[in-house]
Amino acid sequence: MERDSGLLIVDVQNDFCPGGALGVPGGDRVVEPLSRAAELFSEAGLPVFASRDWHPAVTGHFSAYGGIWPSHCVQGTPGADFHPGLRLPAGTMVVSKGTDPGLDSYSAFEGFLEDGANFASCLEKLGVRHIYVGGLATDYCVRSSVLDAVRAGLRVTVLTDGVAGVDLKPGDSALALEEMVRAGVQLATVDAI
């Protein structure tokens, strides 16, 4: 990890874990490696971000209102909470996305911190030029966040033991990782960083 690094944990929320409203198969297996990554970054004095879907109850993102997904991660509900086993260090910055009922907002780069700053401007302010990413789901919010990070000119490393995918179509997650690598993204495990 370089001094200009940061960690982004994407949407490790109850509704995206097994038993949740939109559970990713094996989604809870990312909790332990990402908790270790968060500890490593925090101990090194590097920023840790945790994005979350933070949807209003009525949004075009949900199938009941024209979207493709069942209701999930509704603001203030237990399903929107971070997985109870995820150990986020003190000072973790929460990035909320999906708050606009007219937008899907898969990417953390469409989210905002508690002070209203957007994610990209926060990274710039903190001097983060290399972002390590893990979370849920590989083929949706992780993919969108990673590709937006590349478009923003950041170096990106995806933590392969810290991601899991929906795979609506078999192989979607593998294809998403291939797309990220073609875009210049590096792959690594938590232990390798």
N, C-alpha and C. Protein backbone atom coordinates (compact mmCIF):
# COMPACT_ATOMS: atom_id res chain seq x y z
N MET A 1 0.85 -1.19 0.00
CA MET A 1 0.00 0.00 0.00
C MET A 1 0.89 1.24 0.00
N GLU A 2 0.64 2.11 -0.94
CA GLU A 2 1.39 3.36 -1.00
C GLU A 2 0.70 4.41 -0.12
N ARG A 3 1.42 5.50 0.13
CA ARG A 3 0.88 6.55 0.99
C ARG A 3 -0.32 7.25 0.36
N ASP A 4 -0.50 7.11 -0.96
CA ASP A 4 -1.64 7.75 -1.62
C ASP A 4 -2.79 6.77 -1.84
N SER A 5 -2.83 5.71 -1.02
CA SER A 5 -3.86 4.67 -1.16
C SER A 5 -5.05 4.90 -0.25
N GLY A 6 -6.16 4.31 -0.64
CA GLY A 6 -7.36 4.27 0.18
C GLY A 6 -8.10 2.97 -0.09
N LEU A 7 -9.00 2.61 0.80
CA LEU A 7 -9.80 1.39 0.67
C LEU A 7 -11.26 1.75 0.53
N LEU A 8 -11.92 1.14 -0.45
CA LEU A 8 -13.36 1.29 -0.63
C LEU A 8 -14.02 -0.07 -0.45
N ILE A 9 -14.87 -0.17 0.56
CA ILE A 9 -15.68 -1.38 0.79
C ILE A 9 -17.08 -1.07 0.27
N VAL A 10 -17.50 -1.82 -0.74
CA VAL A 10 -18.75 -1.53 -1.45
C VAL A 10 -19.91 -2.36 -0.91
N ASP A 11 -20.88 -1.71 -0.31
CA ASP A 11 -22.22 -2.27 -0.06
C ASP A 11 -22.26 -3.61 0.66
N VAL A 12 -21.45 -3.78 1.69
CA VAL A 12 -21.52 -5.02 2.47
C VAL A 12 -22.62 -4.83 3.51
N GLN A 13 -23.85 -4.93 3.02
CA GLN A 13 -25.05 -4.65 3.81
C GLN A 13 -25.89 -5.91 3.97
N ASN A 14 -26.72 -5.92 5.01
CA ASN A 14 -27.51 -7.12 5.31
C ASN A 14 -28.35 -7.59 4.13
N ASP A 15 -28.97 -6.67 3.41
CA ASP A 15 -29.84 -7.08 2.30
C ASP A 15 -29.09 -7.72 1.15
N PHE A 16 -27.77 -7.51 1.07
CA PHE A 16 -26.97 -8.11 0.00
C PHE A 16 -26.27 -9.39 0.44
N CYS A 17 -26.45 -9.77 1.70
CA CYS A 17 -25.86 -10.99 2.22
C CYS A 17 -26.91 -12.09 2.28
N PRO A 18 -26.49 -13.36 2.34
CA PRO A 18 -27.46 -14.45 2.38
C PRO A 18 -28.55 -14.22 3.43
N GLY A 19 -29.80 -14.42 3.02
CA GLY A 19 -30.94 -14.18 3.89
C GLY A 19 -31.53 -12.80 3.73
N GLY A 20 -30.83 -11.90 3.04
CA GLY A 20 -31.31 -10.55 2.81
C GLY A 20 -32.24 -10.47 1.61
N ALA A 21 -32.83 -9.31 1.42
CA ALA A 21 -33.83 -9.12 0.36
C ALA A 21 -33.26 -9.37 -1.03
N LEU A 22 -31.96 -9.15 -1.20
CA LEU A 22 -31.30 -9.31 -2.50
C LEU A 22 -29.94 -9.97 -2.26
N GLY A 23 -29.98 -11.08 -1.52
CA GLY A 23 -28.75 -11.72 -1.08
C GLY A 23 -27.87 -12.23 -2.22
N VAL A 24 -26.60 -11.88 -2.15
CA VAL A 24 -25.60 -12.38 -3.10
C VAL A 24 -25.15 -13.75 -2.60
N PRO A 25 -25.18 -14.78 -3.45
CA PRO A 25 -24.73 -16.10 -3.01
C PRO A 25 -23.30 -16.02 -2.44
N GLY A 26 -23.14 -16.45 -1.21
CA GLY A 26 -21.82 -16.41 -0.58
C GLY A 26 -21.35 -15.01 -0.25
N GLY A 27 -22.25 -14.04 -0.26
CA GLY A 27 -21.85 -12.65 -0.04
C GLY A 27 -21.20 -12.39 1.29
N ASP A 28 -21.55 -13.19 2.30
CA ASP A 28 -20.97 -12.96 3.63
C ASP A 28 -19.52 -13.42 3.73
N ARG A 29 -19.02 -14.15 2.71
CA ARG A 29 -17.63 -14.59 2.76
C ARG A 29 -16.65 -13.44 2.59
N VAL A 30 -17.13 -12.28 2.14
CA VAL A 30 -16.24 -11.12 1.96
C VAL A 30 -16.00 -10.38 3.27
N VAL A 31 -16.82 -10.66 4.29
CA VAL A 31 -16.79 -9.88 5.52
C VAL A 31 -15.43 -9.97 6.22
N GLU A 32 -14.92 -11.17 6.39
CA GLU A 32 -13.65 -11.33 7.13
C GLU A 32 -12.47 -10.72 6.38
N PRO A 33 -12.25 -11.03 5.08
CA PRO A 33 -11.11 -10.40 4.41
C PRO A 33 -11.21 -8.88 4.35
N LEU A 34 -12.39 -8.35 4.17
CA LEU A 34 -12.52 -6.89 4.10
C LEU A 34 -12.35 -6.25 5.47
N SER A 35 -12.73 -6.95 6.53
CA SER A 35 -12.47 -6.45 7.89
C SER A 35 -10.96 -6.38 8.13
N ARG A 36 -10.22 -7.41 7.66
CA ARG A 36 -8.76 -7.38 7.81
C ARG A 36 -8.16 -6.26 6.99
N ALA A 37 -8.66 -6.05 5.76
CA ALA A 37 -8.15 -4.96 4.92
C ALA A 37 -8.38 -3.61 5.59
N ALA A 38 -9.57 -3.43 6.15
CA ALA A 38 -9.89 -2.16 6.82
C ALA A 38 -8.94 -1.91 7.98
N GLU A 39 -8.62 -2.96 8.72
CA GLU A 39 -7.69 -2.83 9.84
C GLU A 39 -6.30 -2.44 9.34
N LEU A 40 -5.84 -3.07 8.26
CA LEU A 40 -4.53 -2.76 7.69
C LEU A 40 -4.45 -1.29 7.26
N PHE A 41 -5.47 -0.83 6.56
CA PHE A 41 -5.46 0.55 6.08
C PHE A 41 -5.52 1.53 7.25
N SER A 42 -6.38 1.23 8.21
CA SER A 42 -6.51 2.11 9.36
C SER A 42 -5.20 2.20 10.14
N GLU A 43 -4.56 1.05 10.38
CA GLU A 43 -3.29 1.03 11.12
C GLU A 43 -2.21 1.81 10.38
N ALA A 44 -2.29 1.84 9.03
CA ALA A 44 -1.31 2.58 8.23
C ALA A 44 -1.67 4.06 8.11
N GLY A 45 -2.78 4.46 8.72
CA GLY A 45 -3.20 5.86 8.65
C GLY A 45 -3.80 6.25 7.31
N LEU A 46 -4.30 5.25 6.58
CA LEU A 46 -4.88 5.48 5.25
C LEU A 46 -6.40 5.45 5.34
N PRO A 47 -7.08 6.22 4.48
CA PRO A 47 -8.53 6.33 4.59
C PRO A 47 -9.28 5.05 4.19
N VAL A 48 -10.36 4.82 4.92
CA VAL A 48 -11.27 3.69 4.65
C VAL A 48 -12.64 4.28 4.37
N PHE A 49 -13.23 3.85 3.26
CA PHE A 49 -14.58 4.27 2.87
C PHE A 49 -15.47 3.04 2.81
N ALA A 50 -16.72 3.19 3.20
CA ALA A 50 -17.71 2.13 3.07
C ALA A 50 -18.93 2.72 2.38
N SER A 51 -19.20 2.23 1.17
CA SER A 51 -20.40 2.72 0.48
C SER A 51 -21.59 1.88 0.89
N ARG A 52 -22.76 2.48 0.74
CA ARG A 52 -23.99 1.76 1.05
C ARG A 52 -25.10 2.23 0.11
N ASP A 53 -25.92 1.28 -0.31
CA ASP A 53 -27.18 1.64 -0.94
C ASP A 53 -28.05 2.23 0.17
N TRP A 54 -28.70 3.35 -0.13
CA TRP A 54 -29.47 4.06 0.90
C TRP A 54 -30.72 4.59 0.21
N HIS A 55 -31.56 3.63 -0.22
CA HIS A 55 -32.70 3.96 -1.07
C HIS A 55 -33.89 4.50 -0.28
N PRO A 56 -34.62 5.45 -0.87
CA PRO A 56 -35.93 5.79 -0.30
C PRO A 56 -36.88 4.61 -0.53
N ALA A 57 -37.98 4.58 0.20
CA ALA A 57 -38.92 3.46 0.08
C ALA A 57 -39.55 3.39 -1.31
N VAL A 58 -39.73 4.54 -1.94
CA VAL A 58 -40.30 4.59 -3.29
C VAL A 58 -39.22 5.09 -4.24
N THR A 59 -38.80 4.22 -5.14
CA THR A 59 -37.76 4.57 -6.12
C THR A 59 -37.94 3.76 -7.39
N GLY A 60 -37.62 4.35 -8.50
CA GLY A 60 -37.69 3.66 -9.78
C GLY A 60 -36.69 2.53 -9.90
N HIS A 61 -35.83 2.36 -8.92
CA HIS A 61 -34.85 1.28 -8.87
C HIS A 61 -35.53 -0.06 -8.54
N PHE A 62 -36.68 0.02 -7.83
CA PHE A 62 -37.37 -1.18 -7.37
C PHE A 62 -38.41 -1.64 -8.39
N SER A 63 -38.61 -2.95 -8.46
CA SER A 63 -39.54 -3.53 -9.44
C SER A 63 -40.97 -3.02 -9.25
N ALA A 64 -41.36 -2.70 -8.04
CA ALA A 64 -42.72 -2.20 -7.80
C ALA A 64 -42.96 -0.85 -8.47
N TYR A 65 -41.86 -0.17 -8.84
CA TYR A 65 -41.97 1.18 -9.42
C TYR A 65 -41.26 1.26 -10.78
N GLY A 66 -41.13 0.10 -11.44
CA GLY A 66 -40.59 0.09 -12.80
C GLY A 66 -39.16 -0.37 -12.94
N GLY A 67 -38.45 -0.61 -11.84
CA GLY A 67 -37.07 -1.07 -11.90
C GLY A 67 -36.98 -2.58 -12.02
N ILE A 68 -35.76 -3.10 -11.85
CA ILE A 68 -35.58 -4.55 -12.01
C ILE A 68 -35.32 -5.28 -10.70
N TRP A 69 -35.18 -4.55 -9.59
CA TRP A 69 -34.79 -5.18 -8.33
C TRP A 69 -35.93 -5.16 -7.30
N PRO A 70 -36.00 -6.19 -6.46
CA PRO A 70 -36.93 -6.12 -5.33
C PRO A 70 -36.49 -5.02 -4.37
N SER A 71 -37.38 -4.58 -3.52
CA SER A 71 -37.06 -3.56 -2.52
C SER A 71 -35.90 -4.04 -1.66
N HIS A 72 -34.89 -3.17 -1.46
CA HIS A 72 -33.72 -3.52 -0.67
C HIS A 72 -33.04 -2.26 -0.15
N CYS A 73 -32.33 -2.40 0.94
CA CYS A 73 -31.51 -1.32 1.51
C CYS A 73 -32.27 0.00 1.61
N VAL A 74 -33.49 -0.09 2.14
CA VAL A 74 -34.29 1.12 2.33
C VAL A 74 -33.75 1.87 3.55
N GLN A 75 -33.61 3.17 3.40
CA GLN A 75 -33.03 4.02 4.45
C GLN A 75 -33.61 3.71 5.83
N GLY A 76 -32.72 3.48 6.79
CA GLY A 76 -33.15 3.30 8.17
C GLY A 76 -33.66 1.93 8.53
N THR A 77 -33.65 0.98 7.57
CA THR A 77 -34.12 -0.37 7.88
C THR A 77 -32.94 -1.28 8.22
N PRO A 78 -33.18 -2.39 8.94
CA PRO A 78 -32.09 -3.32 9.26
C PRO A 78 -31.39 -3.86 8.01
N GLY A 79 -32.12 -4.01 6.91
CA GLY A 79 -31.51 -4.50 5.68
C GLY A 79 -30.47 -3.57 5.12
N ALA A 80 -30.58 -2.28 5.44
CA ALA A 80 -29.61 -1.29 4.94
C ALA A 80 -28.38 -1.19 5.83
N ASP A 81 -28.41 -1.82 7.01
CA ASP A 81 -27.26 -1.78 7.91
C ASP A 81 -26.10 -2.56 7.32
N PHE A 82 -24.88 -2.16 7.69
CA PHE A 82 -23.72 -2.96 7.32
C PHE A 82 -23.80 -4.30 8.02
N HIS A 83 -23.25 -5.35 7.38
CA HIS A 83 -23.23 -6.68 7.97
C HIS A 83 -22.64 -6.58 9.38
N PRO A 84 -23.27 -7.23 10.37
CA PRO A 84 -22.81 -7.07 11.75
C PRO A 84 -21.39 -7.57 11.99
N GLY A 85 -20.90 -8.44 11.13
CA GLY A 85 -19.53 -8.95 11.30
C GLY A 85 -18.47 -8.06 10.65
N LEU A 86 -18.90 -7.07 9.89
CA LEU A 86 -17.94 -6.19 9.21
C LEU A 86 -17.35 -5.22 10.22
N ARG A 87 -16.04 -5.31 10.42
CA ARG A 87 -15.36 -4.47 11.41
C ARG A 87 -14.83 -3.21 10.71
N LEU A 88 -15.60 -2.14 10.82
CA LEU A 88 -15.18 -0.87 10.23
C LEU A 88 -14.47 -0.05 11.29
N PRO A 89 -13.24 0.39 11.01
CA PRO A 89 -12.51 1.14 12.04
C PRO A 89 -13.11 2.51 12.29
N ALA A 90 -12.79 3.07 13.45
CA ALA A 90 -13.20 4.44 13.75
C ALA A 90 -12.67 5.34 12.65
N GLY A 91 -13.49 6.28 12.23
CA GLY A 91 -13.07 7.19 11.18
C GLY A 91 -13.44 6.75 9.79
N THR A 92 -14.04 5.55 9.65
CA THR A 92 -14.50 5.11 8.33
C THR A 92 -15.51 6.12 7.79
N MET A 93 -15.32 6.51 6.54
CA MET A 93 -16.21 7.47 5.90
C MET A 93 -17.27 6.74 5.10
N VAL A 94 -18.53 7.00 5.43
CA VAL A 94 -19.66 6.32 4.78
C VAL A 94 -20.11 7.13 3.56
N VAL A 95 -20.22 6.41 2.43
CA VAL A 95 -20.66 7.01 1.17
C VAL A 95 -22.05 6.45 0.86
N SER A 96 -23.06 7.31 0.88
CA SER A 96 -24.45 6.88 0.62
C SER A 96 -24.80 7.14 -0.82
N LYS A 97 -25.39 6.12 -1.47
CA LYS A 97 -25.79 6.25 -2.87
C LYS A 97 -27.17 5.67 -3.06
N GLY A 98 -27.79 6.00 -4.20
CA GLY A 98 -29.14 5.50 -4.44
C GLY A 98 -30.21 6.31 -3.74
N THR A 99 -29.86 7.50 -3.26
CA THR A 99 -30.82 8.31 -2.53
C THR A 99 -31.79 9.05 -3.44
N ASP A 100 -31.42 9.22 -4.70
CA ASP A 100 -32.29 9.89 -5.68
C ASP A 100 -33.24 8.86 -6.27
N PRO A 101 -34.56 9.02 -6.08
CA PRO A 101 -35.50 8.00 -6.56
C PRO A 101 -35.52 7.84 -8.08
N GLY A 102 -34.90 8.78 -8.80
CA GLY A 102 -34.89 8.70 -10.25
C GLY A 102 -33.64 8.08 -10.84
N LEU A 103 -32.68 7.70 -9.98
CA LEU A 103 -31.41 7.15 -10.46
C LEU A 103 -31.13 5.81 -9.80
N ASP A 104 -30.48 4.90 -10.56
CA ASP A 104 -30.08 3.62 -9.99
C ASP A 104 -28.87 3.76 -9.07
N SER A 105 -27.88 4.53 -9.48
CA SER A 105 -26.69 4.82 -8.68
C SER A 105 -25.98 3.56 -8.18
N TYR A 106 -25.46 2.78 -9.11
CA TYR A 106 -24.68 1.59 -8.73
C TYR A 106 -23.30 1.97 -8.19
N SER A 107 -22.72 3.05 -8.69
CA SER A 107 -21.34 3.40 -8.38
C SER A 107 -21.21 4.27 -7.14
N ALA A 108 -20.17 3.99 -6.34
CA ALA A 108 -19.87 4.85 -5.19
C ALA A 108 -19.57 6.28 -5.65
N PHE A 109 -19.15 6.44 -6.90
CA PHE A 109 -18.86 7.78 -7.41
C PHE A 109 -20.14 8.59 -7.64
N GLU A 110 -21.29 7.96 -7.49
CA GLU A 110 -22.57 8.66 -7.54
C GLU A 110 -23.08 8.94 -6.12
N GLY A 111 -22.24 8.67 -5.13
CA GLY A 111 -22.65 8.81 -3.73
C GLY A 111 -22.04 10.02 -3.06
N PHE A 112 -22.51 10.26 -1.84
CA PHE A 112 -22.10 11.44 -1.07
C PHE A 112 -21.77 11.05 0.36
N LEU A 113 -20.83 11.78 0.94
CA LEU A 113 -20.49 11.58 2.34
C LEU A 113 -21.48 12.34 3.21
N GLU A 114 -21.38 12.14 4.50
CA GLU A 114 -22.34 12.75 5.43
C GLU A 114 -22.34 14.27 5.35
N ASP A 115 -21.19 14.87 4.99
CA ASP A 115 -21.12 16.33 4.90
C ASP A 115 -21.61 16.86 3.55
N GLY A 116 -22.09 15.96 2.68
CA GLY A 116 -22.61 16.36 1.38
C GLY A 116 -21.59 16.36 0.27
N ALA A 117 -20.31 16.14 0.60
CA ALA A 117 -19.26 16.09 -0.43
C ALA A 117 -19.43 14.83 -1.27
N ASN A 118 -19.16 14.95 -2.58
CA ASN A 118 -19.23 13.73 -3.39
C ASN A 118 -17.94 12.93 -3.20
N PHE A 119 -18.02 11.67 -3.52
CA PHE A 119 -16.92 10.73 -3.25
C PHE A 119 -15.64 11.14 -3.97
N ALA A 120 -15.76 11.50 -5.26
CA ALA A 120 -14.57 11.85 -6.04
C ALA A 120 -13.84 13.05 -5.43
N SER A 121 -14.59 14.06 -5.01
CA SER A 121 -13.93 15.25 -4.45
C SER A 121 -13.27 14.93 -3.11
N CYS A 122 -13.84 14.00 -2.36
CA CYS A 122 -13.24 13.59 -1.10
C CYS A 122 -11.91 12.87 -1.35
N LEU A 123 -11.88 11.98 -2.34
CA LEU A 123 -10.64 11.28 -2.68
C LEU A 123 -9.56 12.28 -3.07
N GLU A 124 -9.95 13.26 -3.89
CA GLU A 124 -9.00 14.27 -4.34
C GLU A 124 -8.45 15.08 -3.16
N LYS A 125 -9.35 15.48 -2.28
CA LYS A 125 -8.96 16.28 -1.11
C LYS A 125 -7.98 15.52 -0.22
N LEU A 126 -8.17 14.19 -0.11
CA LEU A 126 -7.31 13.37 0.74
C LEU A 126 -6.06 12.89 0.01
N GLY A 127 -5.94 13.22 -1.27
CA GLY A 127 -4.76 12.81 -2.04
C GLY A 127 -4.73 11.35 -2.41
N VAL A 128 -5.90 10.70 -2.45
CA VAL A 128 -5.96 9.28 -2.81
C VAL A 128 -5.86 9.15 -4.33
N ARG A 129 -4.83 8.41 -4.76
CA ARG A 129 -4.64 8.18 -6.19
C ARG A 129 -4.69 6.69 -6.55
N HIS A 130 -4.70 5.85 -5.51
CA HIS A 130 -4.78 4.40 -5.71
C HIS A 130 -5.84 3.88 -4.77
N ILE A 131 -6.91 3.32 -5.33
CA ILE A 131 -8.02 2.83 -4.51
C ILE A 131 -8.08 1.31 -4.59
N TYR A 132 -8.13 0.69 -3.44
CA TYR A 132 -8.32 -0.76 -3.32
C TYR A 132 -9.81 -0.97 -3.08
N VAL A 133 -10.41 -1.94 -3.79
CA VAL A 133 -11.86 -2.09 -3.76
C VAL A 133 -12.25 -3.54 -3.51
N GLY A 134 -13.23 -3.73 -2.64
CA GLY A 134 -13.85 -5.02 -2.43
C GLY A 134 -15.30 -4.78 -2.06
N GLY A 135 -16.11 -5.85 -2.07
CA GLY A 135 -17.49 -5.70 -1.65
C GLY A 135 -18.47 -6.43 -2.55
N LEU A 136 -19.69 -5.93 -2.56
CA LEU A 136 -20.81 -6.58 -3.25
C LEU A 136 -21.51 -5.59 -4.18
N ALA A 137 -21.93 -6.02 -5.30
CA ALA A 137 -21.65 -7.28 -5.93
C ALA A 137 -20.66 -7.05 -7.07
N THR A 138 -19.82 -8.04 -7.32
CA THR A 138 -18.77 -7.93 -8.33
C THR A 138 -19.31 -7.39 -9.65
N ASP A 139 -20.45 -7.91 -10.07
CA ASP A 139 -20.97 -7.63 -11.41
C ASP A 139 -21.90 -6.41 -11.47
N TYR A 140 -22.09 -5.74 -10.36
CA TYR A 140 -22.93 -4.52 -10.37
C TYR A 140 -22.21 -3.36 -9.70
N CYS A 141 -22.38 -3.19 -8.40
CA CYS A 141 -21.85 -1.98 -7.75
C CYS A 141 -20.33 -1.95 -7.68
N VAL A 142 -19.68 -3.10 -7.50
CA VAL A 142 -18.22 -3.12 -7.53
C VAL A 142 -17.74 -2.75 -8.93
N ARG A 143 -18.28 -3.40 -9.94
CA ARG A 143 -17.89 -3.12 -11.33
C ARG A 143 -18.07 -1.64 -11.66
N SER A 144 -19.24 -1.09 -11.36
CA SER A 144 -19.51 0.32 -11.68
C SER A 144 -18.56 1.26 -10.95
N SER A 145 -18.31 0.98 -9.67
CA SER A 145 -17.41 1.83 -8.88
C SER A 145 -15.98 1.77 -9.41
N VAL A 146 -15.54 0.56 -9.74
CA VAL A 146 -14.17 0.38 -10.23
C VAL A 146 -13.98 1.07 -11.57
N LEU A 147 -14.92 0.90 -12.49
CA LEU A 147 -14.77 1.52 -13.81
C LEU A 147 -14.85 3.04 -13.71
N ASP A 148 -15.67 3.55 -12.80
CA ASP A 148 -15.71 5.01 -12.59
C ASP A 148 -14.39 5.50 -11.98
N ALA A 149 -13.78 4.70 -11.13
CA ALA A 149 -12.48 5.08 -10.55
C ALA A 149 -11.42 5.17 -11.65
N VAL A 150 -11.43 4.21 -12.56
CA VAL A 150 -10.49 4.23 -13.68
C VAL A 150 -10.73 5.48 -14.53
N ARG A 151 -12.00 5.77 -14.83
CA ARG A 151 -12.33 6.96 -15.62
C ARG A 151 -11.89 8.25 -14.92
N ALA A 152 -11.85 8.21 -13.58
CA ALA A 152 -11.42 9.38 -12.81
C ALA A 152 -9.90 9.49 -12.74
N GLY A 153 -9.20 8.55 -13.37
CA GLY A 153 -7.74 8.61 -13.42
C GLY A 153 -7.03 7.96 -12.25
N LEU A 154 -7.76 7.17 -11.47
CA LEU A 154 -7.16 6.50 -10.31
C LEU A 154 -6.56 5.15 -10.70
N ARG A 155 -5.53 4.73 -9.98
CA ARG A 155 -5.06 3.36 -10.07
C ARG A 155 -6.01 2.54 -9.19
N VAL A 156 -6.35 1.34 -9.64
CA VAL A 156 -7.35 0.53 -8.93
C VAL A 156 -6.84 -0.90 -8.76
N THR A 157 -7.00 -1.42 -7.56
CA THR A 157 -6.74 -2.82 -7.28
C THR A 157 -8.01 -3.43 -6.69
N VAL A 158 -8.50 -4.49 -7.30
CA VAL A 158 -9.68 -5.20 -6.79
C VAL A 158 -9.20 -6.36 -5.93
N LEU A 159 -9.74 -6.45 -4.73
CA LEU A 159 -9.39 -7.51 -3.78
C LEU A 159 -10.26 -8.73 -4.08
N THR A 160 -9.68 -9.71 -4.76
CA THR A 160 -10.46 -10.83 -5.30
C THR A 160 -11.07 -11.72 -4.21
N ASP A 161 -10.46 -11.76 -3.04
CA ASP A 161 -11.05 -12.55 -1.95
C ASP A 161 -12.07 -11.73 -1.17
N GLY A 162 -12.28 -10.49 -1.59
CA GLY A 162 -13.22 -9.60 -0.93
C GLY A 162 -14.36 -9.17 -1.83
N VAL A 163 -14.64 -9.95 -2.88
CA VAL A 163 -15.77 -9.66 -3.76
C VAL A 163 -16.60 -10.92 -3.98
N ALA A 164 -17.88 -10.73 -4.23
CA ALA A 164 -18.78 -11.82 -4.60
C ALA A 164 -19.85 -11.24 -5.51
N GLY A 165 -20.35 -12.04 -6.45
CA GLY A 165 -21.26 -11.52 -7.46
C GLY A 165 -22.64 -12.13 -7.45
N VAL A 166 -23.55 -11.43 -8.12
CA VAL A 166 -24.94 -11.88 -8.24
C VAL A 166 -25.05 -13.00 -9.27
N ASP A 167 -24.37 -12.83 -10.41
CA ASP A 167 -24.42 -13.79 -11.52
C ASP A 167 -25.85 -14.10 -11.96
N LEU A 168 -26.62 -13.02 -12.27
CA LEU A 168 -27.95 -13.23 -12.83
C LEU A 168 -27.86 -14.16 -14.02
N LYS A 169 -26.85 -13.93 -14.86
CA LYS A 169 -26.49 -14.88 -15.91
C LYS A 169 -25.19 -15.52 -15.46
N PRO A 170 -25.10 -16.86 -15.51
CA PRO A 170 -23.87 -17.52 -15.06
C PRO A 170 -22.65 -16.92 -15.76
N GLY A 171 -21.63 -16.63 -14.95
CA GLY A 171 -20.40 -16.08 -15.50
C GLY A 171 -20.32 -14.57 -15.52
N ASP A 172 -21.40 -13.87 -15.10
CA ASP A 172 -21.39 -12.40 -15.11
C ASP A 172 -20.24 -11.82 -14.28
N SER A 173 -19.97 -12.42 -13.14
CA SER A 173 -18.91 -11.89 -12.27
C SER A 173 -17.54 -12.05 -12.90
N ALA A 174 -17.29 -13.21 -13.50
CA ALA A 174 -16.01 -13.44 -14.18
C ALA A 174 -15.85 -12.46 -15.33
N LEU A 175 -16.91 -12.24 -16.08
CA LEU A 175 -16.86 -11.27 -17.18
C LEU A 175 -16.60 -9.86 -16.67
N ALA A 176 -17.19 -9.52 -15.53
CA ALA A 176 -16.98 -8.19 -14.95
C ALA A 176 -15.52 -8.01 -14.55
N LEU A 177 -14.92 -9.04 -13.95
CA LEU A 177 -13.51 -8.95 -13.58
C LEU A 177 -12.63 -8.81 -14.81
N GLU A 178 -12.96 -9.57 -15.86
CA GLU A 178 -12.19 -9.47 -17.12
C GLU A 178 -12.28 -8.05 -17.68
N GLU A 179 -13.47 -7.47 -17.64
CA GLU A 179 -13.66 -6.11 -18.14
C GLU A 179 -12.81 -5.12 -17.34
N MET A 180 -12.78 -5.29 -16.03
CA MET A 180 -11.99 -4.41 -15.18
C MET A 180 -10.50 -4.53 -15.51
N VAL A 181 -10.02 -5.76 -15.68
CA VAL A 181 -8.61 -5.98 -16.00
C VAL A 181 -8.27 -5.33 -17.34
N ARG A 182 -9.16 -5.48 -18.32
CA ARG A 182 -8.93 -4.83 -19.63
C ARG A 182 -8.85 -3.31 -19.48
N ALA A 183 -9.52 -2.77 -18.48
CA ALA A 183 -9.50 -1.32 -18.25
C ALA A 183 -8.25 -0.88 -17.49
N GLY A 184 -7.39 -1.85 -17.12
CA GLY A 184 -6.14 -1.51 -16.45
C GLY A 184 -6.12 -1.77 -14.96
N VAL A 185 -7.13 -2.44 -14.45
CA VAL A 185 -7.24 -2.72 -13.02
C VAL A 185 -6.33 -3.90 -12.65
N GLN A 186 -5.71 -3.80 -11.48
CA GLN A 186 -4.92 -4.90 -10.94
C GLN A 186 -5.80 -5.76 -10.02
N LEU A 187 -5.46 -7.03 -9.90
CA LEU A 187 -6.16 -7.94 -8.99
C LEU A 187 -5.18 -8.39 -7.93
N ALA A 188 -5.65 -8.51 -6.70
CA ALA A 188 -4.80 -8.97 -5.59
C ALA A 188 -5.70 -9.52 -4.50
N THR A 189 -5.09 -10.28 -3.59
CA THR A 189 -5.80 -10.73 -2.40
C THR A 189 -5.44 -9.78 -1.25
N VAL A 190 -6.24 -9.83 -0.20
CA VAL A 190 -5.96 -8.99 0.96
C VAL A 190 -4.58 -9.31 1.53
N ASP A 191 -4.24 -10.58 1.62
CA ASP A 191 -2.94 -10.94 2.20
C ASP A 191 -1.78 -10.42 1.35
N ALA A 192 -2.00 -10.20 0.07
CA ALA A 192 -0.93 -9.73 -0.82
C ALA A 192 -0.66 -8.24 -0.71
N ILE A 193 -1.57 -7.50 -0.04
CA ILE A 193 -1.34 -6.06 0.05
C ILE A 193 -0.58 -5.71 1.31
